Amino acid sequence: MTDVLGPPAAAIPPERIERGESLARRRAAAYFDTPLAFVGVGLLALLLALALAAPWIAPQNPYDLAQLDIMDGTLAPGSQAAAGFVYRLGTDEQGRDMLSAILYGLRISLFVGVVSTLFACTIGASIGVAAAYAGGRVENLVMRVVDLQLSFPAILIALVLLAVWGRGIDKVIIALVIVQWAYYARTVRGSALVERGRDYIEAARCLALPRSRIVFRHLLPNCLPPLIVVATVQVAHAIALEATLSFLGVGVPVTEPSLGLLIKNGYDYLLSGKYWISTYPGVALVVAIVAINLVGDRLRDVLNPRLNR
């Protein structure tokens, strides 16, 4: 089988390709060739750790209404509550500790972005590779549907869906899957068209292997490099899209705010000098998106055999 997953010669210096060295080690060495790779992976690892450990490290559970005191609303960073609790990043209008809200909001934003991307990637990749292998009218029909969906802005489709369904994390994930699957279908279809004519596919056909095995066991795995890059970048896009929907009031419920909803909650207070309600969640959102994009850009450099840098 042709090893299309092998690293490009331009990405990995010849002196690093030692005999017996695993493919994973060569790719890891190529990935961490630049300082930005360490920055991206470090930031992303830190954000994931903070999101996963939020229930244990957050000073307050911002989703528990019993722990909120409206009298502590819109306190400045460093303010002390009547009970002696210090709000490091201040509070919002509901008396919610902003540090805790950001940690929990980051948890929801990352969860929505990763889960929606996984589902959209699975559906889109399966449809795209199957259409490329089938060819003919099936491929034309699938790609016309993909072109039709991609002709509409993703935010517009998601807004219409959530306006009908209402708020909810599960509804946001379903809407993001619907607007994202076409990206993966087009990406995989382009790679699968190249792989479809290779010798290992012809050999599999001569062995009379089932079509499903040829498509999903042989063709699809060799289309993974561009798919991984697109999926990584789309996680950041999904997080930004969810934040936009929540800012517009059709995303996650107010009882479980994400970073986008936290920004919306402080929008009306920006001109009054209470900047922290929107600024700190906005900074957290930007850092998350930048970290994911740094990882995705470096993956593109390593996994794209046609890119010579």
Protein backbone atom coordinates (compact mmCIF):
# COMPACT_ATOMS: atom_id res chain seq x y z
CA MET A 1 0.00 0.00 0.00
CA THR A 2 1.31 3.42 -0.91
CA ASP A 3 2.21 5.27 2.23
CA VAL A 4 0.47 8.57 1.55
CA LEU A 5 0.55 9.21 5.26
CA GLY A 6 4.31 9.44 5.21
CA PRO A 7 5.87 12.78 6.12
CA PRO A 8 7.05 15.08 3.36
CA ALA A 9 10.75 15.29 2.73
CA ALA A 10 10.61 19.07 3.01
CA ALA A 11 9.10 18.90 6.47
CA ILE A 12 11.60 16.44 7.96
CA PRO A 13 15.35 16.81 7.36
CA PRO A 14 16.97 13.65 5.96
CA GLU A 15 19.37 13.40 8.90
CA ARG A 16 16.40 12.90 11.23
CA ILE A 17 15.05 9.90 9.35
CA GLU A 18 17.04 7.23 11.09
CA ARG A 19 16.69 3.57 10.51
CA GLY A 20 14.11 2.04 12.79
CA GLU A 21 12.69 5.41 13.84
CA SER A 22 8.92 5.32 14.03
CA LEU A 23 6.69 7.48 11.84
CA ALA A 24 5.13 9.07 14.92
CA ARG A 25 8.55 10.12 16.26
CA ARG A 26 9.56 11.63 12.93
CA ARG A 27 6.36 13.62 12.74
CA ALA A 28 6.67 14.77 16.33
CA ALA A 29 10.23 15.93 15.65
CA ALA A 30 9.08 17.83 12.56
CA TYR A 31 6.11 19.32 14.40
CA PHE A 32 8.19 20.82 17.21
CA ASP A 33 10.78 22.36 14.90
CA THR A 34 9.44 25.88 15.52
CA PRO A 35 8.87 27.78 18.79
CA LEU A 36 5.27 28.54 17.78
CA ALA A 37 4.53 24.82 17.90
CA PHE A 38 5.48 24.73 21.58
CA VAL A 39 3.42 27.86 22.23
CA GLY A 40 0.33 26.43 20.53
CA VAL A 41 0.52 23.02 22.20
CA GLY A 42 1.33 24.56 25.58
CA LEU A 43 -1.57 27.00 25.46
CA LEU A 44 -3.98 24.34 24.28
CA ALA A 45 -2.86 21.87 26.94
CA LEU A 46 -3.24 24.54 29.63
CA LEU A 47 -6.74 25.47 28.47
CA LEU A 48 -7.82 21.83 28.34
CA ALA A 49 -6.43 21.24 31.83
CA LEU A 50 -8.23 24.29 33.22
CA ALA A 51 -11.49 23.28 31.55
CA LEU A 52 -11.35 19.70 32.80
CA ALA A 53 -10.35 20.73 36.32
CA ALA A 54 -12.88 23.57 36.58
CA PRO A 55 -15.12 21.84 39.17
CA TRP A 56 -12.11 21.41 41.48
CA ILE A 57 -10.15 24.63 41.00
CA ALA A 58 -12.92 27.19 40.45
CA PRO A 59 -13.65 29.23 43.60
CA GLN A 60 -17.38 29.07 42.90
CA ASN A 61 -19.88 27.02 40.94
CA PRO A 62 -21.39 29.72 38.72
CA TYR A 63 -24.20 27.39 37.63
CA ASP A 64 -25.45 26.91 41.20
CA LEU A 65 -27.91 29.74 41.81
CA ALA A 66 -27.81 29.09 45.54
CA GLN A 67 -24.16 30.26 45.61
CA LEU A 68 -24.89 33.57 43.87
CA ASP A 69 -25.61 36.77 45.76
CA ILE A 70 -27.18 39.59 43.77
CA MET A 71 -25.71 42.05 46.27
CA ASP A 72 -22.25 41.15 44.96
CA GLY A 73 -23.19 42.15 41.40
CA THR A 74 -20.71 44.07 39.21
CA LEU A 75 -17.93 44.18 41.80
CA ALA A 76 -14.55 45.30 40.47
CA PRO A 77 -11.60 42.87 40.26
CA GLY A 78 -10.01 42.35 43.66
CA SER A 79 -13.17 43.28 45.54
CA GLN A 80 -14.05 41.46 48.73
CA ALA A 81 -17.53 40.12 49.44
CA ALA A 82 -19.30 40.53 52.76
CA ALA A 83 -18.49 36.89 53.53
CA GLY A 84 -14.78 37.57 53.05
CA PHE A 85 -14.47 35.99 49.60
CA VAL A 86 -12.18 37.87 47.18
CA TYR A 87 -13.29 38.12 43.56
CA ARG A 88 -10.00 38.12 41.65
CA LEU A 89 -11.58 39.06 38.31
CA GLY A 90 -14.69 40.76 39.67
CA THR A 91 -18.31 39.70 39.27
CA ASP A 92 -21.06 40.11 36.71
CA GLU A 93 -24.52 41.61 37.27
CA GLN A 94 -25.76 38.42 38.91
CA GLY A 95 -22.94 38.27 41.43
CA ARG A 96 -21.21 35.46 39.56
CA ASP A 97 -17.45 35.19 40.12
CA MET A 98 -15.88 35.93 36.74
CA LEU A 99 -12.90 33.64 37.25
CA SER A 100 -15.18 30.70 37.97
CA ALA A 101 -17.52 31.68 35.13
CA ILE A 102 -14.63 31.80 32.66
CA LEU A 103 -13.35 28.36 33.71
CA TYR A 104 -16.80 26.81 33.38
CA GLY A 105 -17.54 28.78 30.20
CA LEU A 106 -14.29 27.57 28.66
CA ARG A 107 -15.37 24.04 29.54
CA ILE A 108 -18.65 24.42 27.62
CA SER A 109 -17.08 26.20 24.65
CA LEU A 110 -14.40 23.52 24.19
CA PHE A 111 -16.94 20.73 24.69
CA VAL A 112 -19.29 22.14 22.06
CA GLY A 113 -16.44 22.76 19.61
CA VAL A 114 -14.80 19.34 19.96
CA VAL A 115 -18.00 17.25 20.02
CA SER A 116 -19.62 19.04 17.08
CA THR A 117 -16.39 18.71 15.07
CA LEU A 118 -16.12 14.99 15.78
CA PHE A 119 -19.67 14.31 14.64
CA ALA A 120 -19.45 16.59 11.61
CA CYS A 121 -16.08 15.11 10.62
CA THR A 122 -17.37 11.54 10.89
CA ILE A 123 -20.51 12.24 8.85
CA GLY A 124 -18.85 14.47 6.25
CA ALA A 125 -15.82 12.20 5.75
CA SER A 126 -18.00 9.12 5.33
CA ILE A 127 -20.24 10.84 2.78
CA GLY A 128 -17.31 12.39 0.89
CA VAL A 129 -15.23 9.22 0.56
CA ALA A 130 -18.26 7.12 -0.38
CA ALA A 131 -19.27 9.62 -3.05
CA ALA A 132 -15.74 9.75 -4.50
CA TYR A 133 -15.50 5.98 -4.68
CA ALA A 134 -18.98 5.58 -6.21
CA GLY A 135 -18.46 8.30 -8.81
CA GLY A 136 -20.99 9.10 -11.51
CA ARG A 137 -24.42 10.40 -10.58
CA VAL A 138 -24.01 9.63 -6.90
CA GLU A 139 -20.91 11.80 -6.67
CA ASN A 140 -22.50 14.60 -8.67
CA LEU A 141 -25.62 14.58 -6.51
CA VAL A 142 -23.66 14.64 -3.25
CA MET A 143 -21.35 17.42 -4.39
CA ARG A 144 -24.26 19.54 -5.59
CA VAL A 145 -25.80 19.25 -2.13
CA VAL A 146 -22.43 20.20 -0.61
CA ASP A 147 -22.10 23.19 -2.96
CA LEU A 148 -25.64 24.28 -2.14
CA GLN A 149 -24.99 24.24 1.60
CA LEU A 150 -21.62 25.97 1.33
CA SER A 151 -23.24 28.75 -0.68
CA PHE A 152 -25.10 29.89 2.45
CA PRO A 153 -23.31 31.49 5.42
CA ALA A 154 -22.94 29.01 8.28
CA ILE A 155 -24.11 31.57 10.83
CA LEU A 156 -27.33 32.13 8.88
CA ILE A 157 -28.22 28.41 8.78
CA ALA A 158 -27.40 27.98 12.47
CA LEU A 159 -29.47 31.03 13.42
CA VAL A 160 -32.51 29.72 11.56
CA LEU A 161 -32.21 26.26 13.11
CA LEU A 162 -31.79 27.53 16.67
CA ALA A 163 -34.56 30.09 16.24
CA VAL A 164 -36.88 27.15 15.51
CA TRP A 165 -35.47 24.69 18.07
CA GLY A 166 -34.70 27.07 20.92
CA ARG A 167 -31.71 27.20 23.24
CA GLY A 168 -29.71 24.24 24.49
CA ILE A 169 -26.21 22.80 24.32
CA ASP A 170 -27.47 19.72 22.46
CA LYS A 171 -29.31 21.89 19.94
CA VAL A 172 -26.21 24.03 19.37
CA ILE A 173 -24.13 20.91 18.71
CA ILE A 174 -26.67 19.55 16.21
CA ALA A 175 -26.82 22.91 14.42
CA LEU A 176 -23.02 23.08 14.19
CA VAL A 177 -22.87 19.53 12.82
CA ILE A 178 -25.39 20.44 10.12
CA VAL A 179 -23.46 23.52 9.02
CA GLN A 180 -20.01 21.89 9.17
CA TRP A 181 -20.27 18.43 7.61
CA ALA A 182 -20.01 19.80 4.05
CA TYR A 183 -16.46 21.11 4.66
CA TYR A 184 -15.23 17.61 5.48
CA ALA A 185 -17.15 16.02 2.61
CA ARG A 186 -15.49 18.31 0.08
CA THR A 187 -12.02 17.89 1.61
CA VAL A 188 -12.17 14.09 1.74
CA ARG A 189 -13.71 13.81 -1.69
CA GLY A 190 -10.78 15.68 -3.26
CA SER A 191 -8.23 13.42 -1.58
CA ALA A 192 -10.23 10.28 -2.31
CA LEU A 193 -10.36 11.06 -6.03
CA VAL A 194 -6.56 11.00 -6.10
CA GLU A 195 -6.31 7.80 -4.04
CA ARG A 196 -9.05 6.00 -5.97
CA GLY A 197 -6.79 5.35 -8.96
CA ARG A 198 -3.80 4.05 -7.01
CA ASP A 199 -2.54 0.50 -7.20
CA TYR A 200 -3.62 -0.61 -3.74
CA ILE A 201 -7.26 0.25 -4.54
CA GLU A 202 -7.04 -1.70 -7.80
CA ALA A 203 -5.52 -4.63 -5.91
CA ALA A 204 -8.36 -4.53 -3.38
CA ARG A 205 -10.89 -4.60 -6.22
CA CYS A 206 -9.13 -7.55 -7.85
CA LEU A 207 -9.40 -9.43 -4.55
CA ALA A 208 -13.17 -8.84 -4.68
CA LEU A 209 -13.19 -7.15 -1.28
CA PRO A 210 -16.52 -5.62 -0.19
CA ARG A 211 -17.00 -2.00 -1.17
CA SER A 212 -17.47 -0.93 2.41
CA ARG A 213 -14.11 -2.45 3.36
CA ILE A 214 -12.33 -0.81 0.45
CA VAL A 215 -13.85 2.59 1.26
CA PHE A 216 -13.48 2.64 5.04
CA ARG A 217 -10.47 0.34 5.61
CA HIS A 218 -8.24 1.33 2.70
CA LEU A 219 -9.40 4.55 1.02
CA LEU A 220 -10.48 6.66 3.99
CA PRO A 221 -7.35 6.12 6.17
CA ASN A 222 -5.17 7.43 3.34
CA CYS A 223 -7.24 10.63 3.18
CA LEU A 224 -6.65 11.49 6.84
CA PRO A 225 -3.82 14.10 6.63
CA PRO A 226 -5.89 16.93 5.10
CA LEU A 227 -8.89 15.83 7.15
CA ILE A 228 -6.95 16.19 10.42
CA VAL A 229 -5.84 19.69 9.48
CA VAL A 230 -9.34 20.81 8.51
CA ALA A 231 -10.85 19.26 11.65
CA THR A 232 -8.36 21.07 13.90
CA VAL A 233 -9.09 24.44 12.32
CA GLN A 234 -12.84 23.75 12.35
CA VAL A 235 -12.75 23.24 16.13
CA ALA A 236 -11.72 26.89 16.46
CA HIS A 237 -14.38 27.86 13.92
CA ALA A 238 -17.04 25.94 15.85
CA ILE A 239 -16.05 27.63 19.11
CA ALA A 240 -16.23 31.05 17.47
CA LEU A 241 -19.57 30.20 15.86
CA GLU A 242 -21.02 28.98 19.16
CA ALA A 243 -19.83 32.18 20.86
CA THR A 244 -21.50 34.24 18.14
CA LEU A 245 -24.78 32.36 18.50
CA SER A 246 -24.70 32.72 22.29
CA PHE A 247 -23.89 36.42 21.97
CA LEU A 248 -26.94 36.81 19.72
CA GLY A 249 -29.10 35.07 22.33
CA VAL A 250 -29.89 31.80 20.55
CA GLY A 251 -27.08 29.57 21.83
CA VAL A 252 -26.55 28.00 25.23
CA PRO A 253 -29.04 28.67 28.07
CA VAL A 254 -28.42 31.52 30.51
CA THR A 255 -28.10 29.04 33.37
CA GLU A 256 -24.99 27.49 31.75
CA PRO A 257 -23.17 30.39 30.08
CA SER A 258 -20.34 29.81 27.65
CA LEU A 259 -17.67 32.38 26.86
CA GLY A 260 -19.86 33.95 24.20
CA LEU A 261 -22.77 34.41 26.59
CA LEU A 262 -20.46 35.84 29.25
CA ILE A 263 -19.31 38.44 26.73
CA LYS A 264 -22.92 39.29 25.95
CA ASN A 265 -23.76 39.67 29.64
CA GLY A 266 -21.15 42.41 30.00
CA TYR A 267 -21.75 44.15 26.70
CA ASP A 268 -24.22 46.64 28.17
CA TYR A 269 -21.73 47.58 30.89
CA LEU A 270 -18.77 48.44 28.65
CA LEU A 271 -19.60 52.14 28.41
CA SER A 272 -20.14 52.38 32.17
CA GLY A 273 -16.54 51.44 32.94
CA LYS A 274 -17.26 47.88 34.08
CA TYR A 275 -15.03 46.42 31.41
CA TRP A 276 -14.13 43.18 33.18
CA ILE A 277 -17.49 41.50 32.61
CA SER A 278 -16.87 41.26 28.85
CA THR A 279 -13.11 41.77 28.54
CA TYR A 280 -11.85 38.77 30.50
CA PRO A 281 -14.14 36.20 28.81
CA GLY A 282 -13.20 37.79 25.48
CA VAL A 283 -9.51 37.35 26.21
CA ALA A 284 -10.09 33.71 27.16
CA LEU A 285 -12.00 33.14 23.90
CA VAL A 286 -9.26 34.74 21.79
CA VAL A 287 -6.53 32.72 23.51
CA ALA A 288 -8.44 29.47 22.91
CA ILE A 289 -8.99 30.21 19.22
CA VAL A 290 -5.39 31.33 18.68
CA ALA A 291 -3.99 28.23 20.41
CA ILE A 292 -6.09 25.88 18.27
CA ASN A 293 -5.18 27.74 15.08
CA LEU A 294 -1.47 27.56 15.94
CA VAL A 295 -1.75 23.80 16.36
CA GLY A 296 -3.72 23.50 13.12
CA ASP A 297 -1.26 25.59 11.10
CA ARG A 298 1.67 23.49 12.27
CA LEU A 299 -0.20 20.27 11.49
CA ARG A 300 -0.79 21.59 7.98
CA ASP A 301 2.93 22.19 7.53
CA VAL A 302 3.83 18.68 8.72
CA LEU A 303 1.07 16.66 7.05
CA ASN A 304 0.88 18.42 3.69
CA PRO A 305 3.39 16.68 1.38
CA ARG A 306 3.06 19.39 -1.27
CA LEU A 307 3.98 22.24 1.06
CA ASN A 308 7.65 23.14 0.84
CA ARG A 309 8.76 25.52 3.57
